[in-house]
């Protein structure tokens, strides 16, 4: 089973497109946004609301407190673990976000 990646700038429609695709293919979304990982930083990050998530599982949002260290290596390990977990449940992992460094680290190691 493959992992789907949707990459683009903030405000380009990734959230709505990824949710529609997730509904159609049984996907679960892992955020690849280097700012969405921080709790309480909702303004300017375009984090999806509970309503926008539409019961599609989302991961990688609100992981750490602002000021806590969380590196690209930390995110890569987190994402790899989530991908394995999602696949074991027969779902399609979807990496969605605008932080190219995160996605490059995951894809190209």
PDB file of N, CA and C in Angstrom:
ATOM      1  N   UNK A   1       0.847  -1.171   0.000  1.00  0.00           N
ATOM      2  CA  UNK A   1       0.000   0.000   0.000  1.00  0.00           C
ATOM      3  C   UNK A   1       0.897   1.240   0.000  1.00  0.00           C
ATOM      4  N   UNK A   2       0.564   2.168  -0.835  1.00  0.00           N
ATOM      5  CA  UNK A   2       1.348   3.385  -0.968  1.00  0.00           C
ATOM      6  C   UNK A   2       0.890   4.462  -0.004  1.00  0.00           C
ATOM      7  N   UNK A   3       1.705   5.493   0.091  1.00  0.00           N
ATOM      8  CA  UNK A   3       1.384   6.664   0.887  1.00  0.00           C
ATOM      9  C   UNK A   3       1.188   7.834  -0.069  1.00  0.00           C
ATOM     10  N   UNK A   4       0.086   8.540   0.077  1.00  0.00           N
ATOM     11  CA  UNK A   4      -0.247   9.676  -0.780  1.00  0.00           C
ATOM     12  C   UNK A   4       0.320  10.944  -0.174  1.00  0.00           C
ATOM     13  N   UNK A   5       0.899  11.821  -0.999  1.00  0.00           N
ATOM     14  CA  UNK A   5       1.446  13.094  -0.535  1.00  0.00           C
ATOM     15  C   UNK A   5       0.751  14.232  -1.276  1.00  0.00           C
ATOM     16  N   UNK A   6       0.265  15.200  -0.498  1.00  0.00           N
ATOM     17  CA  UNK A   6      -0.314  16.423  -1.062  1.00  0.00           C
ATOM     18  C   UNK A   6       0.473  17.577  -0.464  1.00  0.00           C
ATOM     19  N   UNK A   7       1.193  18.304  -1.313  1.00  0.00           N
ATOM     20  CA  UNK A   7       2.089  19.369  -0.881  1.00  0.00           C
ATOM     21  C   UNK A   7       1.704  20.671  -1.568  1.00  0.00           C
ATOM     22  N   UNK A   8       1.727  21.763  -0.819  1.00  0.00           N
ATOM     23  CA  UNK A   8       1.439  23.064  -1.413  1.00  0.00           C
ATOM     24  C   UNK A   8       1.492  24.155  -0.364  1.00  0.00           C
ATOM     25  N   UNK A   9       1.421  25.404  -0.801  1.00  0.00           N
ATOM     26  CA  UNK A   9       1.505  26.526   0.142  1.00  0.00           C
ATOM     27  C   UNK A   9       0.249  26.691   0.991  1.00  0.00           C
ATOM     28  N   UNK A  10       0.395  27.402   2.106  1.00  0.00           N
ATOM     29  CA  UNK A  10      -0.734  27.702   2.987  1.00  0.00           C
ATOM     30  C   UNK A  10      -1.840  28.385   2.191  1.00  0.00           C
ATOM     31  N   UNK A  11      -3.064  27.936   2.423  1.00  0.00           N
ATOM     32  CA  UNK A  11      -4.219  28.550   1.783  1.00  0.00           C
ATOM     33  C   UNK A  11      -4.486  28.091   0.361  1.00  0.00           C
ATOM     34  N   UNK A  12      -3.805  27.047  -0.097  1.00  0.00           N
ATOM     35  CA  UNK A  12      -3.981  26.596  -1.482  1.00  0.00           C
ATOM     36  C   UNK A  12      -5.085  25.556  -1.650  1.00  0.00           C
ATOM     37  N   UNK A  13      -5.721  25.134  -0.552  1.00  0.00           N
ATOM     38  CA  UNK A  13      -6.816  24.175  -0.655  1.00  0.00           C
ATOM     39  C   UNK A  13      -6.454  22.747  -0.330  1.00  0.00           C
ATOM     40  N   UNK A  14      -5.276  22.524   0.231  1.00  0.00           N
ATOM     41  CA  UNK A  14      -4.841  21.158   0.550  1.00  0.00           C
ATOM     42  C   UNK A  14      -5.788  20.455   1.509  1.00  0.00           C
ATOM     43  N   UNK A  15      -6.258  21.176   2.512  1.00  0.00           N
ATOM     44  CA  UNK A  15      -7.115  20.559   3.530  1.00  0.00           C
ATOM     45  C   UNK A  15      -8.389  20.018   2.917  1.00  0.00           C
ATOM     46  N   UNK A  16      -9.108  20.841   2.181  1.00  0.00           N
ATOM     47  CA  UNK A  16     -10.387  20.389   1.619  1.00  0.00           C
ATOM     48  C   UNK A  16     -10.197  19.265   0.608  1.00  0.00           C
ATOM     49  N   UNK A  17      -9.173  19.367  -0.219  1.00  0.00           N
ATOM     50  CA  UNK A  17      -8.909  18.314  -1.207  1.00  0.00           C
ATOM     51  C   UNK A  17      -8.523  17.016  -0.500  1.00  0.00           C
ATOM     52  N   UNK A  18      -7.662  17.117   0.517  1.00  0.00           N
ATOM     53  CA  UNK A  18      -7.209  15.899   1.197  1.00  0.00           C
ATOM     54  C   UNK A  18      -8.348  15.206   1.931  1.00  0.00           C
ATOM     55  N   UNK A  19      -9.261  15.967   2.493  1.00  0.00           N
ATOM     56  CA  UNK A  19     -10.394  15.366   3.192  1.00  0.00           C
ATOM     57  C   UNK A  19     -11.310  14.646   2.207  1.00  0.00           C
ATOM     58  N   UNK A  20     -11.565  15.245   1.077  1.00  0.00           N
ATOM     59  CA  UNK A  20     -12.404  14.581   0.063  1.00  0.00           C
ATOM     60  C   UNK A  20     -11.746  13.303  -0.433  1.00  0.00           C
ATOM     61  N   UNK A  21     -10.457  13.355  -0.671  1.00  0.00           N
ATOM     62  CA  UNK A  21      -9.739  12.154  -1.117  1.00  0.00           C
ATOM     63  C   UNK A  21      -9.746  11.093  -0.016  1.00  0.00           C
ATOM     64  N   UNK A  22      -9.500  11.512   1.222  1.00  0.00           N
ATOM     65  CA  UNK A  22      -9.490  10.564   2.343  1.00  0.00           C
ATOM     66  C   UNK A  22     -10.827   9.849   2.469  1.00  0.00           C
ATOM     67  N   UNK A  23     -11.913  10.591   2.301  1.00  0.00           N
ATOM     68  CA  UNK A  23     -13.243   9.965   2.355  1.00  0.00           C
ATOM     69  C   UNK A  23     -13.405   8.928   1.260  1.00  0.00           C
ATOM     70  N   UNK A  24     -12.910   9.245   0.070  1.00  0.00           N
ATOM     71  CA  UNK A  24     -13.096   8.364  -1.086  1.00  0.00           C
ATOM     72  C   UNK A  24     -12.238   7.101  -1.014  1.00  0.00           C
ATOM     73  N   UNK A  25     -11.046   7.195  -0.419  1.00  0.00           N
ATOM     74  CA  UNK A  25     -10.125   6.053  -0.455  1.00  0.00           C
ATOM     75  C   UNK A  25      -9.838   5.430   0.908  1.00  0.00           C
ATOM     76  N   UNK A  26     -10.488   5.913   1.948  1.00  0.00           N
ATOM     77  CA  UNK A  26     -10.216   5.390   3.287  1.00  0.00           C
ATOM     78  C   UNK A  26      -8.887   5.873   3.829  1.00  0.00           C
ATOM     79  N   UNK A  27      -8.619   7.151   3.643  1.00  0.00           N
ATOM     80  CA  UNK A  27      -7.350   7.723   4.072  1.00  0.00           C
ATOM     81  C   UNK A  27      -7.392   8.317   5.464  1.00  0.00           C
ATOM     82  N   UNK A  28      -6.202   8.444   6.040  1.00  0.00           N
ATOM     83  CA  UNK A  28      -6.001   9.149   7.301  1.00  0.00           C
ATOM     84  C   UNK A  28      -4.848  10.115   7.071  1.00  0.00           C
ATOM     85  N   UNK A  29      -4.961  11.315   7.626  1.00  0.00           N
ATOM     86  CA  UNK A  29      -4.078  12.419   7.274  1.00  0.00           C
ATOM     87  C   UNK A  29      -3.017  12.675   8.343  1.00  0.00           C
ATOM     88  N   UNK A  30      -1.779  12.792   7.883  1.00  0.00           N
ATOM     89  CA  UNK A  30      -0.659  13.182   8.733  1.00  0.00           C
ATOM     90  C   UNK A  30      -0.222  14.564   8.260  1.00  0.00           C
ATOM     91  N   UNK A  31      -0.295  15.540   9.160  1.00  0.00           N
ATOM     92  CA  UNK A  31       0.077  16.907   8.806  1.00  0.00           C
ATOM     93  C   UNK A  31       1.589  17.032   8.632  1.00  0.00           C
ATOM     94  N   UNK A  32       1.989  17.671   7.540  1.00  0.00           N
ATOM     95  CA  UNK A  32       3.398  17.989   7.290  1.00  0.00           C
ATOM     96  C   UNK A  32       3.550  19.503   7.311  1.00  0.00           C
ATOM     97  N   UNK A  33       3.119  20.094   8.402  1.00  0.00           N
ATOM     98  CA  UNK A  33       3.187  21.539   8.584  1.00  0.00           C
ATOM     99  C   UNK A  33       4.014  21.820   9.826  1.00  0.00           C
ATOM    100  N   UNK A  34       5.132  22.477   9.650  1.00  0.00           N
ATOM    101  CA  UNK A  34       6.065  22.703  10.759  1.00  0.00           C
ATOM    102  C   UNK A  34       5.534  23.652  11.818  1.00  0.00           C
ATOM    103  N   UNK A  35       4.435  24.323  11.567  1.00  0.00           N
ATOM    104  CA  UNK A  35       3.837  25.217  12.567  1.00  0.00           C
ATOM    105  C   UNK A  35       2.609  24.588  13.219  1.00  0.00           C
ATOM    106  N   UNK A  36       1.921  23.715  12.522  1.00  0.00           N
ATOM    107  CA  UNK A  36       0.720  23.072  13.070  1.00  0.00           C
ATOM    108  C   UNK A  36       1.053  22.120  14.211  1.00  0.00           C
ATOM    109  N   UNK A  37       2.317  21.747  14.342  1.00  0.00           N
ATOM    110  CA  UNK A  37       2.712  20.859  15.437  1.00  0.00           C
ATOM    111  C   UNK A  37       2.591  21.534  16.797  1.00  0.00           C
ATOM    112  N   UNK A  38       2.565  22.874  16.801  1.00  0.00           N
ATOM    113  CA  UNK A  38       2.560  23.613  18.069  1.00  0.00           C
ATOM    114  C   UNK A  38       1.153  23.861  18.582  1.00  0.00           C
ATOM    115  N   UNK A  39       0.943  23.526  19.843  1.00  0.00           N
ATOM    116  CA  UNK A  39      -0.336  23.760  20.509  1.00  0.00           C
ATOM    117  C   UNK A  39      -0.583  25.261  20.642  1.00  0.00           C
ATOM    118  N   UNK A  40      -1.820  25.658  20.408  1.00  0.00           N
ATOM    119  CA  UNK A  40      -2.210  27.043  20.608  1.00  0.00           C
ATOM    120  C   UNK A  40      -1.831  27.995  19.497  1.00  0.00           C
ATOM    121  N   UNK A  41      -1.116  27.530  18.504  1.00  0.00           N
ATOM    122  CA  UNK A  41      -0.725  28.402  17.397  1.00  0.00           C
ATOM    123  C   UNK A  41      -1.666  28.171  16.219  1.00  0.00           C
ATOM    124  N   UNK A  42      -2.908  28.584  16.403  1.00  0.00           N
ATOM    125  CA  UNK A  42      -3.930  28.315  15.396  1.00  0.00           C
ATOM    126  C   UNK A  42      -4.012  29.414  14.334  1.00  0.00           C
ATOM    127  N   UNK A  43      -3.775  30.648  14.743  1.00  0.00           N
ATOM    128  CA  UNK A  43      -3.850  31.766  13.802  1.00  0.00           C
ATOM    129  C   UNK A  43      -2.594  31.748  12.931  1.00  0.00           C
ATOM    130  N   UNK A  44      -2.780  31.814  11.637  1.00  0.00           N
ATOM    131  CA  UNK A  44      -1.653  31.837  10.715  1.00  0.00           C
ATOM    132  C   UNK A  44      -1.147  30.475  10.291  1.00  0.00           C
ATOM    133  N   UNK A  45      -1.654  29.413  10.901  1.00  0.00           N
ATOM    134  CA  UNK A  45      -1.189  28.076  10.528  1.00  0.00           C
ATOM    135  C   UNK A  45      -2.184  27.337   9.642  1.00  0.00           C
ATOM    136  N   UNK A  46      -3.390  27.840   9.570  1.00  0.00           N
ATOM    137  CA  UNK A  46      -4.453  27.212   8.774  1.00  0.00           C
ATOM    138  C   UNK A  46      -4.715  25.775   9.213  1.00  0.00           C
ATOM    139  N   UNK A  47      -4.625  25.518  10.529  1.00  0.00           N
ATOM    140  CA  UNK A  47      -4.967  24.188  11.037  1.00  0.00           C
ATOM    141  C   UNK A  47      -6.434  23.917  10.734  1.00  0.00           C
ATOM    142  N   UNK A  48      -6.744  22.689  10.333  1.00  0.00           N
ATOM    143  CA  UNK A  48      -8.156  22.380  10.104  1.00  0.00           C
ATOM    144  C   UNK A  48      -8.931  22.358  11.419  1.00  0.00           C
ATOM    145  N   UNK A  49     -10.157  22.843  11.379  1.00  0.00           N
ATOM    146  CA  UNK A  49     -11.031  22.789  12.539  1.00  0.00           C
ATOM    147  C   UNK A  49     -11.623  21.386  12.657  1.00  0.00           C
ATOM    148  N   UNK A  50     -12.217  21.087  13.804  1.00  0.00           N
ATOM    149  CA  UNK A  50     -12.882  19.790  13.963  1.00  0.00           C
ATOM    150  C   UNK A  50     -13.955  19.610  12.904  1.00  0.00           C
ATOM    151  N   UNK A  51     -14.665  20.682  12.612  1.00  0.00           N
ATOM    152  CA  UNK A  51     -15.703  20.627  11.580  1.00  0.00           C
ATOM    153  C   UNK A  51     -15.100  20.318  10.213  1.00  0.00           C
ATOM    154  N   UNK A  52     -13.978  20.966   9.890  1.00  0.00           N
ATOM    155  CA  UNK A  52     -13.325  20.726   8.595  1.00  0.00           C
ATOM    156  C   UNK A  52     -12.794  19.295   8.484  1.00  0.00           C
ATOM    157  N   UNK A  53     -12.336  18.733   9.590  1.00  0.00           N
ATOM    158  CA  UNK A  53     -11.780  17.369   9.554  1.00  0.00           C
ATOM    159  C   UNK A  53     -12.823  16.332   9.184  1.00  0.00           C
ATOM    160  N   UNK A  54     -14.089  16.611   9.438  1.00  0.00           N
ATOM    161  CA  UNK A  54     -15.203  15.752   9.036  1.00  0.00           C
ATOM    162  C   UNK A  54     -14.990  14.284   9.405  1.00  0.00           C
ATOM    163  N   UNK A  55     -14.566  14.047  10.620  1.00  0.00           N
ATOM    164  CA  UNK A  55     -14.364  12.694  11.152  1.00  0.00           C
ATOM    165  C   UNK A  55     -13.234  11.916  10.484  1.00  0.00           C
ATOM    166  N   UNK A  56     -12.411  12.577   9.692  1.00  0.00           N
ATOM    167  CA  UNK A  56     -11.231  11.934   9.125  1.00  0.00           C
ATOM    168  C   UNK A  56     -10.109  12.072  10.154  1.00  0.00           C
ATOM    169  N   UNK A  57      -9.485  10.977  10.575  1.00  0.00           N
ATOM    170  CA  UNK A  57      -8.386  11.091  11.542  1.00  0.00           C
ATOM    171  C   UNK A  57      -7.247  11.955  10.997  1.00  0.00           C
ATOM    172  N   UNK A  58      -6.784  12.873  11.831  1.00  0.00           N
ATOM    173  CA  UNK A  58      -5.665  13.755  11.517  1.00  0.00           C
ATOM    174  C   UNK A  58      -4.599  13.575  12.594  1.00  0.00           C
ATOM    175  N   UNK A  59      -3.347  13.529  12.187  1.00  0.00           N
ATOM    176  CA  UNK A  59      -2.231  13.366  13.102  1.00  0.00           C
ATOM    177  C   UNK A  59      -1.209  14.475  12.837  1.00  0.00           C
ATOM    178  N   UNK A  60      -0.374  14.740  13.820  1.00  0.00           N
ATOM    179  CA  UNK A  60       0.696  15.717  13.646  1.00  0.00           C
ATOM    180  C   UNK A  60       0.280  17.144  13.922  1.00  0.00           C
ATOM    181  N   UNK A  61      -0.865  17.324  14.565  1.00  0.00           N
ATOM    182  CA  UNK A  61      -1.367  18.649  14.904  1.00  0.00           C
ATOM    183  C   UNK A  61      -1.366  18.771  16.429  1.00  0.00           C
ATOM    184  N   UNK A  62      -0.876  19.914  16.916  1.00  0.00           N
ATOM    185  CA  UNK A  62      -0.834  20.176  18.364  1.00  0.00           C
ATOM    186  C   UNK A  62      -0.031  19.121  19.124  1.00  0.00           C
ATOM    187  N   UNK A  63       1.145  18.814  18.639  1.00  0.00           N
ATOM    188  CA  UNK A  63       1.988  17.799  19.276  1.00  0.00           C
ATOM    189  C   UNK A  63       2.799  18.333  20.449  1.00  0.00           C
ATOM    190  N   UNK A  64       3.317  19.561  20.329  1.00  0.00           N
ATOM    191  CA  UNK A  64       4.233  20.088  21.344  1.00  0.00           C
ATOM    192  C   UNK A  64       3.865  21.518  21.719  1.00  0.00           C
ATOM    193  N   UNK A  65       4.358  21.931  22.879  1.00  0.00           N
ATOM    194  CA  UNK A  65       4.158  23.306  23.329  1.00  0.00           C
ATOM    195  C   UNK A  65       5.105  24.239  22.572  1.00  0.00           C
ATOM    196  N   UNK A  66       4.671  25.480  22.329  1.00  0.00           N
ATOM    197  CA  UNK A  66       5.600  26.449  21.730  1.00  0.00           C
ATOM    198  C   UNK A  66       6.843  26.561  22.619  1.00  0.00           C
ATOM    199  N   UNK A  67       7.976  26.620  22.007  1.00  0.00           N
ATOM    200  CA  UNK A  67       9.223  26.684  22.758  1.00  0.00           C
ATOM    201  C   UNK A  67       9.877  25.329  22.950  1.00  0.00           C
ATOM    202  N   UNK A  68       9.110  24.243  22.819  1.00  0.00           N
ATOM    203  CA  UNK A  68       9.694  22.906  22.907  1.00  0.00           C
ATOM    204  C   UNK A  68      10.449  22.598  21.625  1.00  0.00           C
ATOM    205  N   UNK A  69      11.503  21.862  21.762  1.00  0.00           N
ATOM    206  CA  UNK A  69      12.301  21.466  20.597  1.00  0.00           C
ATOM    207  C   UNK A  69      11.600  20.312  19.873  1.00  0.00           C
ATOM    208  N   UNK A  70      11.421  20.475  18.579  1.00  0.00           N
ATOM    209  CA  UNK A  70      10.839  19.426  17.741  1.00  0.00           C
ATOM    210  C   UNK A  70      11.463  19.582  16.368  1.00  0.00           C
ATOM    211  N   UNK A  71      12.360  18.675  16.027  1.00  0.00           N
ATOM    212  CA  UNK A  71      13.154  18.799  14.804  1.00  0.00           C
ATOM    213  C   UNK A  71      12.513  18.053  13.631  1.00  0.00           C
ATOM    214  N   UNK A  72      13.079  18.253  12.462  1.00  0.00           N
ATOM    215  CA  UNK A  72      12.618  17.509  11.295  1.00  0.00           C
ATOM    216  C   UNK A  72      12.828  16.007  11.506  1.00  0.00           C
ATOM    217  N   UNK A  73      13.885  15.632  12.211  1.00  0.00           N
ATOM    218  CA  UNK A  73      14.117  14.212  12.517  1.00  0.00           C
ATOM    219  C   UNK A  73      13.028  13.674  13.440  1.00  0.00           C
ATOM    220  N   UNK A  74      12.587  14.493  14.395  1.00  0.00           N
ATOM    221  CA  UNK A  74      11.485  14.096  15.275  1.00  0.00           C
ATOM    222  C   UNK A  74      10.217  13.877  14.465  1.00  0.00           C
ATOM    223  N   UNK A  75       9.937  14.801  13.546  1.00  0.00           N
ATOM    224  CA  UNK A  75       8.726  14.679  12.725  1.00  0.00           C
ATOM    225  C   UNK A  75       8.809  13.442  11.839  1.00  0.00           C
ATOM    226  N   UNK A  76       9.975  13.208  11.240  1.00  0.00           N
ATOM    227  CA  UNK A  76      10.131  12.046  10.357  1.00  0.00           C
ATOM    228  C   UNK A  76       9.851  10.751  11.109  1.00  0.00           C
ATOM    229  N   UNK A  77      10.387  10.632  12.315  1.00  0.00           N
ATOM    230  CA  UNK A  77      10.133   9.433  13.131  1.00  0.00           C
ATOM    231  C   UNK A  77       8.647   9.320  13.474  1.00  0.00           C
ATOM    232  N   UNK A  78       8.054  10.440  13.862  1.00  0.00           N
ATOM    233  CA  UNK A  78       6.622  10.461  14.172  1.00  0.00           C
ATOM    234  C   UNK A  78       5.805  10.010  12.954  1.00  0.00           C
ATOM    235  N   UNK A  79       6.106  10.590  11.790  1.00  0.00           N
ATOM    236  CA  UNK A  79       5.360  10.268  10.569  1.00  0.00           C
ATOM    237  C   UNK A  79       5.535   8.807  10.174  1.00  0.00           C
ATOM    238  N   UNK A  80       6.742   8.292  10.255  1.00  0.00           N
ATOM    239  CA  UNK A  80       6.970   6.875   9.920  1.00  0.00           C
ATOM    240  C   UNK A  80       6.164   5.948  10.823  1.00  0.00           C
ATOM    241  N   UNK A  81       6.131   6.258  12.107  1.00  0.00           N
ATOM    242  CA  UNK A  81       5.345   5.446  13.035  1.00  0.00           C
ATOM    243  C   UNK A  81       3.856   5.518  12.711  1.00  0.00           C
ATOM    244  N   UNK A  82       3.366   6.706  12.396  1.00  0.00           N
ATOM    245  CA  UNK A  82       1.947   6.860  12.044  1.00  0.00           C
ATOM    246  C   UNK A  82       1.627   6.137  10.746  1.00  0.00           C
ATOM    247  N   UNK A  83       2.510   6.205   9.771  1.00  0.00           N
ATOM    248  CA  UNK A  83       2.288   5.514   8.495  1.00  0.00           C
ATOM    249  C   UNK A  83       2.141   4.012   8.739  1.00  0.00           C
ATOM    250  N   UNK A  84       3.039   3.443   9.526  1.00  0.00           N
ATOM    251  CA  UNK A  84       2.957   2.009   9.846  1.00  0.00           C
ATOM    252  C   UNK A  84       1.635   1.678  10.523  1.00  0.00           C
ATOM    253  N   UNK A  85       1.263   2.487  11.499  1.00  0.00           N
ATOM    254  CA  UNK A  85       0.022   2.269  12.243  1.00  0.00           C
ATOM    255  C   UNK A  85      -1.198   2.336  11.315  1.00  0.00           C
ATOM    256  N   UNK A  86      -1.232   3.332  10.473  1.00  0.00           N
ATOM    257  CA  UNK A  86      -2.363   3.513   9.548  1.00  0.00           C
ATOM    258  C   UNK A  86      -2.457   2.322   8.596  1.00  0.00           C
ATOM    259  N   UNK A  87      -1.326   1.888   8.067  1.00  0.00           N
ATOM    260  CA  UNK A  87      -1.322   0.755   7.131  1.00  0.00           C
ATOM    261  C   UNK A  87      -1.761  -0.542   7.804  1.00  0.00           C
ATOM    262  N   UNK A  88      -1.392  -0.740   9.077  1.00  0.00           N
ATOM    263  CA  UNK A  88      -1.786  -1.976   9.757  1.00  0.00           C
ATOM    264  C   UNK A  88      -3.301  -2.049   9.927  1.00  0.00           C
ATOM    265  N   UNK A  89      -3.952  -0.903   9.908  1.00  0.00           N
ATOM    266  CA  UNK A  89      -5.414  -0.875  10.015  1.00  0.00           C
ATOM    267  C   UNK A  89      -6.087  -0.885   8.648  1.00  0.00           C
ATOM    268  N   UNK A  90      -5.303  -1.076   7.576  1.00  0.00           N
ATOM    269  CA  UNK A  90      -5.864  -1.163   6.235  1.00  0.00           C
ATOM    270  C   UNK A  90      -6.294   0.161   5.643  1.00  0.00           C
ATOM    271  N   UNK A  91      -5.806   1.242   6.208  1.00  0.00           N
ATOM    272  CA  UNK A  91      -6.145   2.568   5.706  1.00  0.00           C
ATOM    273  C   UNK A  91      -4.985   3.114   4.877  1.00  0.00           C
ATOM    274  N   UNK A  92      -5.237   4.213   4.152  1.00  0.00           N
ATOM    275  CA  UNK A  92      -4.218   4.829   3.308  1.00  0.00           C
ATOM    276  C   UNK A  92      -3.631   6.043   4.023  1.00  0.00           C
ATOM    277  N   UNK A  93      -2.314   6.037   4.304  1.00  0.00           N
ATOM    278  CA  UNK A  93      -1.698   7.213   4.904  1.00  0.00           C
ATOM    279  C   UNK A  93      -1.576   8.339   3.880  1.00  0.00           C
ATOM    280  N   UNK A  94      -1.901   9.542   4.332  1.00  0.00           N
ATOM    281  CA  UNK A  94      -1.817  10.721   3.464  1.00  0.00           C
ATOM    282  C   UNK A  94      -0.985  11.781   4.184  1.00  0.00           C
ATOM    283  N   UNK A  95       0.105  12.189   3.566  1.00  0.00           N
ATOM    284  CA  UNK A  95       0.946  13.250   4.105  1.00  0.00           C
ATOM    285  C   UNK A  95       0.474  14.535   3.443  1.00  0.00           C
ATOM    286  N   UNK A  96       0.026  15.506   4.253  1.00  0.00           N
ATOM    287  CA  UNK A  96      -0.564  16.721   3.709  1.00  0.00           C
ATOM    288  C   UNK A  96       0.046  17.932   4.403  1.00  0.00           C
ATOM    289  N   UNK A  97       0.607  18.842   3.615  1.00  0.00           N
ATOM    290  CA  UNK A  97       1.156  20.044   4.221  1.00  0.00           C
ATOM    291  C   UNK A  97       2.031  20.841   3.288  1.00  0.00           C
ATOM    292  N   UNK A  98       2.633  21.874   3.861  1.00  0.00           N
ATOM    293  CA  UNK A  98       3.429  22.788   3.070  1.00  0.00           C
ATOM    294  C   UNK A  98       4.883  22.861   3.452  1.00  0.00           C
ATOM    295  N   UNK A  99       5.323  22.038   4.395  1.00  0.00           N
ATOM    296  CA  UNK A  99       6.720  22.073   4.799  1.00  0.00           C
ATOM    297  C   UNK A  99       7.493  21.048   3.974  1.00  0.00           C
ATOM    298  N   UNK A 100       8.069  21.532   2.889  1.00  0.00           N
ATOM    299  CA  UNK A 100       8.805  20.666   1.975  1.00  0.00           C
ATOM    300  C   UNK A 100       9.950  19.922   2.637  1.00  0.00           C
ATOM    301  N   UNK A 101      10.604  20.545   3.614  1.00  0.00           N
ATOM    302  CA  UNK A 101      11.702  19.894   4.317  1.00  0.00           C
ATOM    303  C   UNK A 101      11.217  18.628   5.013  1.00  0.00           C
ATOM    304  N   UNK A 102      10.047  18.674   5.634  1.00  0.00           N
ATOM    305  CA  UNK A 102       9.490  17.490   6.286  1.00  0.00           C
ATOM    306  C   UNK A 102       9.253  16.384   5.258  1.00  0.00           C
ATOM    307  N   UNK A 103       8.632  16.747   4.175  1.00  0.00           N
ATOM    308  CA  UNK A 103       8.290  15.749   3.158  1.00  0.00           C
ATOM    309  C   UNK A 103       9.544  15.191   2.492  1.00  0.00           C
ATOM    310  N   UNK A 104      10.513  16.056   2.177  1.00  0.00           N
ATOM    311  CA  UNK A 104      11.785  15.575   1.614  1.00  0.00           C
ATOM    312  C   UNK A 104      12.482  14.605   2.563  1.00  0.00           C
ATOM    313  N   UNK A 105      12.491  14.928   3.853  1.00  0.00           N
ATOM    314  CA  UNK A 105      13.130  14.047   4.836  1.00  0.00           C
ATOM    315  C   UNK A 105      12.467  12.682   4.862  1.00  0.00           C
ATOM    316  N   UNK A 106      11.160  12.662   4.755  1.00  0.00           N
ATOM    317  CA  UNK A 106      10.428  11.398   4.785  1.00  0.00           C
ATOM    318  C   UNK A 106      10.649  10.594   3.510  1.00  0.00           C
ATOM    319  N   UNK A 107      10.557  11.246   2.374  1.00  0.00           N
ATOM    320  CA  UNK A 107      10.649  10.544   1.085  1.00  0.00           C
ATOM    321  C   UNK A 107      12.090  10.189   0.715  1.00  0.00           C
ATOM    322  N   UNK A 108      12.983  11.140   0.886  1.00  0.00           N
ATOM    323  CA  UNK A 108      14.369  10.953   0.428  1.00  0.00           C
ATOM    324  C   UNK A 108      15.343  10.618   1.545  1.00  0.00           C
ATOM    325  N   UNK A 109      14.850  10.496   2.771  1.00  0.00           N
ATOM    326  CA  UNK A 109      15.638  10.151   3.951  1.00  0.00           C
ATOM    327  C   UNK A 109      16.798  11.119   4.140  1.00  0.00           C
TER     328      UNK A 109
END
